[in-house]
Amino acid sequence: MKNLILIILCIISTLKSDSYDIKVLTKCVVDENLQIEVQNKTEKPIIFFYGISHSYFKIINEDNLESVGKTLSLSSEEDYLDFQFDHSEKLIQQVMDKYKISFQEAVIYLHNKKDFILIPPNKSRELNLPLLTTNYTASYSLDSTKSYYISLKTIFPTNYIPKFVKDSLEKKNISVIKADITEPKIRININKFLRKRNNLYIR
């Protein structure tokens, strides 16, 4: 049974890597944005929804050792209640009825529905996305004479896209990709990506 599961996982992984490729084009990080290139490696269109992303990154030195920050403050993450008033109650209800989803799901979908890119077969598209955001502020003890990097893992969930929408895209022969980015080492400009205060670097 374990061998069967491993085989299935390998097949899924192979299909995923065969359908698209994402490259980080940014060579030196100066702010929260990263320039990426999404390549469609198939013979049919693919669609990349990037409205919601979850990034996990750490600051490392030249020897790949992490510079652990000290958390100074926390802020609440964006909540669907923050942007429910961007849409009328009538529109939200229409989306709920059409896709048979909850109020929360409808608001989240409406907020992010335009954040996608359609990539034709065997073509590439570039995007500049704010992937290096956090809900906390931390201080780091860094040596300004040395080089530092970011080790990054970002996932782009698609569970907020209604099944009806996904099925409609599939019927049009458009594949929805479940994208992720793993970048082990991107150089950062510590004087721009972070701010210096009392001999510490803040982000």
Protein backbone atom coordinates (compact mmCIF):
# COMPACT_ATOMS: atom_id res chain seq x y z
CA MET A 1 0.00 0.00 0.00
CA LYS A 2 2.83 2.39 0.88
CA ASN A 3 4.53 1.62 -2.43
CA LEU A 4 1.30 2.41 -4.30
CA ILE A 5 0.98 5.77 -2.51
CA LEU A 6 4.59 6.61 -3.35
CA ILE A 7 4.00 5.76 -7.02
CA ILE A 8 0.89 7.97 -7.13
CA LEU A 9 2.76 10.86 -5.51
CA CYS A 10 5.59 10.48 -8.00
CA ILE A 11 3.12 10.55 -10.90
CA ILE A 12 1.45 13.69 -9.55
CA SER A 13 4.84 15.34 -9.08
CA THR A 14 5.87 14.42 -12.61
CA LEU A 15 2.65 15.78 -14.12
CA LYS A 16 3.04 18.99 -12.18
CA SER A 17 6.64 19.60 -13.28
CA ASP A 18 5.75 18.67 -16.86
CA SER A 19 2.96 21.25 -17.05
CA TYR A 20 4.65 24.41 -15.85
CA ASP A 21 7.81 25.94 -14.49
CA ILE A 22 8.22 28.99 -12.25
CA LYS A 23 11.50 30.88 -12.08
CA VAL A 24 12.39 33.70 -9.72
CA LEU A 25 13.97 36.42 -11.86
CA THR A 26 14.82 38.76 -8.99
CA LYS A 27 18.57 38.64 -8.36
CA CYS A 28 18.66 40.95 -5.34
CA VAL A 29 15.71 41.59 -3.03
CA VAL A 30 15.06 45.22 -2.12
CA ASP A 31 11.40 45.12 -1.05
CA GLU A 32 8.48 42.71 -0.63
CA ASN A 33 8.14 42.06 -4.36
CA LEU A 34 9.62 39.27 -6.45
CA GLN A 35 9.74 39.16 -10.23
CA ILE A 36 8.79 35.68 -11.43
CA GLU A 37 8.36 33.96 -14.76
CA VAL A 38 5.68 31.32 -15.27
CA GLN A 39 6.27 29.00 -18.21
CA ASN A 40 3.56 26.85 -19.75
CA LYS A 41 5.18 23.61 -20.90
CA THR A 42 2.03 22.05 -22.34
CA GLU A 43 0.06 22.13 -25.59
CA LYS A 44 -2.99 23.74 -23.97
CA PRO A 45 -3.57 26.97 -21.99
CA ILE A 46 -2.95 27.05 -18.25
CA ILE A 47 -4.30 29.50 -15.70
CA PHE A 48 -2.35 30.65 -12.65
CA PHE A 49 -4.39 32.09 -9.76
CA TYR A 50 -2.11 34.17 -7.53
CA GLY A 51 -4.70 36.08 -5.45
CA ILE A 52 -3.78 34.17 -2.30
CA SER A 53 -0.26 33.10 -1.44
CA HIS A 54 1.45 31.81 1.68
CA SER A 55 5.18 32.50 1.92
CA TYR A 56 7.64 31.10 4.40
CA PHE A 57 11.09 32.63 4.27
CA LYS A 58 14.14 33.02 6.43
CA ILE A 59 17.27 35.16 6.27
CA ILE A 60 20.46 33.15 5.88
CA ASN A 61 24.15 33.97 5.54
CA GLU A 62 26.69 32.76 2.98
CA ASP A 63 27.04 29.48 4.87
CA ASN A 64 23.26 28.89 4.76
CA LEU A 65 22.97 29.50 8.51
CA GLU A 66 19.75 31.19 9.55
CA SER A 67 19.80 34.62 11.18
CA VAL A 68 16.96 34.24 13.63
CA GLY A 69 15.00 37.42 14.24
CA LYS A 70 13.49 38.61 17.50
CA THR A 71 9.76 39.30 17.12
CA LEU A 72 8.91 42.86 18.12
CA SER A 73 5.22 43.01 17.24
CA LEU A 74 2.39 41.08 15.63
CA SER A 75 -0.41 42.35 13.43
CA SER A 76 -3.60 40.60 12.42
CA GLU A 77 -3.61 38.96 9.02
CA GLU A 78 -6.00 40.16 6.33
CA ASP A 79 -9.48 38.86 7.01
CA TYR A 80 -12.41 38.51 4.64
CA LEU A 81 -14.37 40.89 6.91
CA ASP A 82 -11.89 43.61 5.93
CA PHE A 83 -13.08 43.66 2.33
CA GLN A 84 -16.69 42.43 2.42
CA PHE A 85 -17.86 46.02 1.98
CA ASP A 86 -16.04 46.25 -1.37
CA HIS A 87 -19.00 44.38 -2.85
CA SER A 88 -22.75 44.83 -2.62
CA GLU A 89 -24.85 42.40 -0.63
CA LYS A 90 -26.74 41.61 -3.83
CA LEU A 91 -23.58 40.62 -5.70
CA ILE A 92 -22.33 38.50 -2.81
CA GLN A 93 -25.68 36.72 -2.64
CA GLN A 94 -25.66 36.12 -6.40
CA VAL A 95 -22.22 34.52 -6.18
CA MET A 96 -23.31 32.40 -3.22
CA ASP A 97 -26.34 31.15 -5.13
CA LYS A 98 -24.57 30.61 -8.44
CA TYR A 99 -21.63 28.65 -7.04
CA LYS A 100 -23.38 27.20 -3.97
CA ILE A 101 -20.76 28.56 -1.58
CA SER A 102 -20.84 30.29 1.80
CA PHE A 103 -20.81 34.04 2.48
CA GLN A 104 -17.14 33.91 3.49
CA GLU A 105 -16.17 31.88 0.41
CA ALA A 106 -18.08 34.29 -1.85
CA VAL A 107 -16.37 37.38 -0.40
CA ILE A 108 -12.90 35.83 -0.63
CA TYR A 109 -13.52 34.72 -4.21
CA LEU A 110 -14.81 38.15 -5.26
CA HIS A 111 -11.80 39.83 -3.65
CA ASN A 112 -9.30 37.66 -5.53
CA LYS A 113 -11.11 36.59 -8.71
CA LYS A 114 -9.23 39.02 -10.99
CA ASP A 115 -5.81 37.97 -9.73
CA PHE A 116 -4.91 35.43 -12.36
CA ILE A 117 -2.96 35.12 -15.57
CA LEU A 118 -3.78 32.95 -18.56
CA ILE A 119 -0.71 31.53 -20.27
CA PRO A 120 -0.99 30.19 -23.84
CA PRO A 121 0.58 26.85 -24.82
CA ASN A 122 4.39 26.84 -24.73
CA LYS A 123 4.55 30.50 -23.69
CA SER A 124 5.85 32.37 -20.65
CA ARG A 125 4.56 35.34 -18.69
CA GLU A 126 6.24 37.53 -16.09
CA LEU A 127 4.68 38.81 -12.88
CA ASN A 128 5.78 41.09 -10.06
CA LEU A 129 4.17 39.81 -6.85
CA PRO A 130 4.39 40.89 -3.16
CA LEU A 131 5.54 37.53 -1.81
CA LEU A 132 7.80 38.66 1.04
CA THR A 133 5.17 39.97 3.44
CA THR A 134 4.67 38.92 7.05
CA ASN A 135 2.24 39.72 9.85
CA TYR A 136 5.04 40.45 12.29
CA THR A 137 7.96 42.85 12.77
CA ALA A 138 11.30 41.39 13.81
CA SER A 139 14.81 42.63 14.52
CA TYR A 140 17.97 40.95 13.24
CA SER A 141 21.59 41.21 14.29
CA LEU A 142 23.43 41.33 10.97
CA ASP A 143 26.95 42.22 9.89
CA SER A 144 26.75 44.98 7.27
CA THR A 145 30.05 43.83 5.74
CA LYS A 146 28.68 40.39 4.88
CA SER A 147 26.19 39.07 2.34
CA TYR A 148 22.76 37.77 3.28
CA TYR A 149 20.10 35.84 1.42
CA ILE A 150 16.49 34.74 1.65
CA SER A 151 15.44 31.10 1.55
CA LEU A 152 11.85 31.03 0.30
CA LYS A 153 8.92 28.64 0.00
CA THR A 154 5.64 29.99 -1.42
CA ILE A 155 2.43 28.15 -2.17
CA PHE A 156 -0.58 29.42 -4.11
CA PRO A 157 -3.73 27.62 -2.93
CA THR A 158 -6.67 27.33 -5.31
CA ASN A 159 -9.29 26.11 -2.85
CA TYR A 160 -10.94 29.55 -2.85
CA ILE A 161 -11.83 29.11 -6.53
CA PRO A 162 -15.35 27.59 -6.75
CA LYS A 163 -15.53 24.08 -8.21
CA PHE A 164 -17.97 25.37 -10.82
CA VAL A 165 -15.34 27.80 -12.11
CA LYS A 166 -12.65 25.12 -12.23
CA ASP A 167 -14.95 22.70 -14.04
CA SER A 168 -15.89 25.40 -16.57
CA LEU A 169 -12.21 26.08 -17.27
CA GLU A 170 -11.49 22.37 -17.72
CA LYS A 171 -14.35 22.12 -20.22
CA LYS A 172 -12.62 24.89 -22.19
CA ASN A 173 -9.42 22.81 -22.08
CA ILE A 174 -7.74 25.25 -19.66
CA SER A 175 -5.79 23.68 -16.80
CA VAL A 176 -5.70 25.26 -13.34
CA ILE A 177 -2.21 24.84 -11.93
CA LYS A 178 -1.47 24.39 -8.25
CA ALA A 179 1.69 26.44 -8.19
CA ASP A 180 4.47 26.75 -5.66
CA ILE A 181 7.90 28.34 -5.52
CA THR A 182 10.96 26.99 -3.76
CA GLU A 183 14.00 29.22 -3.92
CA PRO A 184 16.83 28.23 -1.58
CA LYS A 185 18.94 31.37 -1.92
CA ILE A 186 18.13 34.89 -3.16
CA ARG A 187 20.51 37.71 -2.31
CA ILE A 188 19.06 40.63 -0.36
CA ASN A 189 20.11 44.24 0.02
CA ILE A 190 19.89 44.51 3.80
CA ASN A 191 19.93 48.32 3.69
CA LYS A 192 16.81 48.40 1.50
CA PHE A 193 14.93 45.26 2.47
CA LEU A 194 15.41 46.08 6.14
CA ARG A 195 15.80 49.33 8.03
CA LYS A 196 18.57 49.94 10.55
CA ARG A 197 17.84 51.07 14.10
CA ASN A 198 20.15 50.97 17.12
CA ASN A 199 22.62 48.64 15.35
CA LEU A 200 19.84 46.19 14.52
CA TYR A 201 18.03 45.53 11.25
CA ILE A 202 14.23 45.68 11.37
CA ARG A 203 11.72 44.05 9.06
